[in-house]
Protein backbone atom coordinates (compact mmCIF):
# COMPACT_ATOMS: atom_id res chain seq x y z
CA MET A 1 -6.54 3.01 1.95
CA SER A 2 -8.22 5.78 1.05
CA LEU A 3 -7.00 5.29 -2.42
CA SER A 4 -8.00 1.86 -2.32
CA GLY A 5 -11.55 3.12 -1.45
CA LEU A 6 -11.27 5.86 -4.37
CA GLY A 7 -10.93 2.96 -6.88
CA HIS A 8 -7.00 3.10 -7.14
CA SER A 9 -6.04 -0.18 -6.58
CA GLU A 10 -2.68 -0.14 -7.76
CA ARG A 11 -1.77 3.01 -6.35
CA ALA A 12 -3.05 1.71 -2.87
CA LEU A 13 -0.92 -1.43 -3.01
CA TRP A 14 2.52 -0.01 -4.07
CA LEU A 15 1.82 2.90 -1.37
CA GLY A 16 1.63 -0.19 0.94
CA GLY A 17 4.48 -1.77 -0.21
CA ALA A 18 6.45 1.46 0.30
CA VAL A 19 5.15 1.97 3.80
CA GLU A 20 5.87 -1.87 4.76
CA ALA A 21 9.29 -1.63 3.23
CA GLU A 22 10.06 1.65 5.36
CA TYR A 23 8.77 -0.02 8.73
CA GLU A 24 11.10 -2.68 7.68
CA ARG A 25 13.96 -0.31 7.15
CA ILE A 26 13.19 1.78 10.22
CA GLY A 27 13.16 -1.45 12.80
CA SER A 28 9.58 -0.68 13.49
CA THR A 29 5.89 -2.28 13.27
CA LEU A 30 2.55 -1.25 13.82
CA ARG A 31 0.12 -3.31 14.88
CA VAL A 32 -3.25 -2.32 16.36
CA LYS A 33 -6.14 -4.40 15.96
CA PHE A 34 -8.47 -2.11 14.34
CA TRP A 35 -6.03 -0.79 11.93
CA ASP A 36 -4.81 -4.11 11.08
CA ALA A 37 -8.62 -4.46 10.50
CA LEU A 38 -8.95 -1.50 8.19
CA LEU A 39 -5.82 -2.50 6.20
CA ALA A 40 -7.16 -6.19 5.59
CA ARG A 41 -10.22 -4.32 4.34
CA TYR A 42 -9.00 -1.88 2.06
CA LEU A 43 -5.57 -3.39 0.64
CA GLY A 44 -7.23 -6.89 0.60
CA GLY A 45 -10.20 -5.01 -1.71
CA ALA A 46 -7.41 -3.60 -3.56
CA ARG A 47 -6.19 -7.14 -4.12
CA GLU A 48 -9.25 -8.48 -5.04
CA ALA A 49 -9.82 -6.14 -7.82
CA LEU A 50 -6.78 -6.41 -9.25
CA GLY A 51 -6.16 -10.13 -9.05
CA GLU A 52 -3.41 -11.55 -7.08
CA ALA A 53 -0.57 -11.48 -9.68
CA GLU A 54 -0.70 -7.83 -10.57
CA ALA A 55 -1.67 -7.06 -7.00
CA SER A 56 1.44 -9.09 -5.88
CA ARG A 57 3.50 -6.83 -8.63
CA ALA A 58 2.05 -3.59 -7.46
CA TRP A 59 3.29 -4.39 -4.03
CA ALA A 60 6.79 -5.29 -5.03
CA ARG A 61 6.73 -2.02 -6.97
CA GLY A 62 6.09 -0.06 -3.92
CA ARG A 63 8.60 -2.17 -1.86
CA ALA A 64 11.22 -1.37 -4.27
CA ARG A 65 10.75 2.50 -4.40
CA ALA A 66 12.16 4.76 -2.39
CA PHE A 67 9.86 6.26 0.62
CA ASP A 68 9.92 10.00 0.17
CA GLU A 69 9.58 9.22 -3.96
CA ALA A 70 6.11 6.93 -3.05
CA VAL A 71 4.71 9.71 -0.42
CA THR A 72 5.05 12.55 -2.88
CA ASP A 73 3.45 10.19 -5.71
CA ALA A 74 0.57 9.55 -3.34
CA LEU A 75 -0.14 13.33 -2.48
CA ARG A 76 -0.18 14.63 -5.93
CA ALA A 77 -3.58 15.21 -7.64
CA ASP A 78 -5.15 13.43 -10.08
């Protein structure tokens, strides 16, 4: 979410996709009302900024990445 708030919409969405894929891999979900609202606000803003087609591609790229690789990329300073 912070990446989206900083204007890094594509990175925010591929990281979100990577997180979703990791939750599925480990058989877990996180459903908390306030957290879902924050995700909708920030990742929804990222989707809006990129447009649906590019946002969907970014999400799919994130889902296809190794989670450790996605975390390493997310932590790098730009």
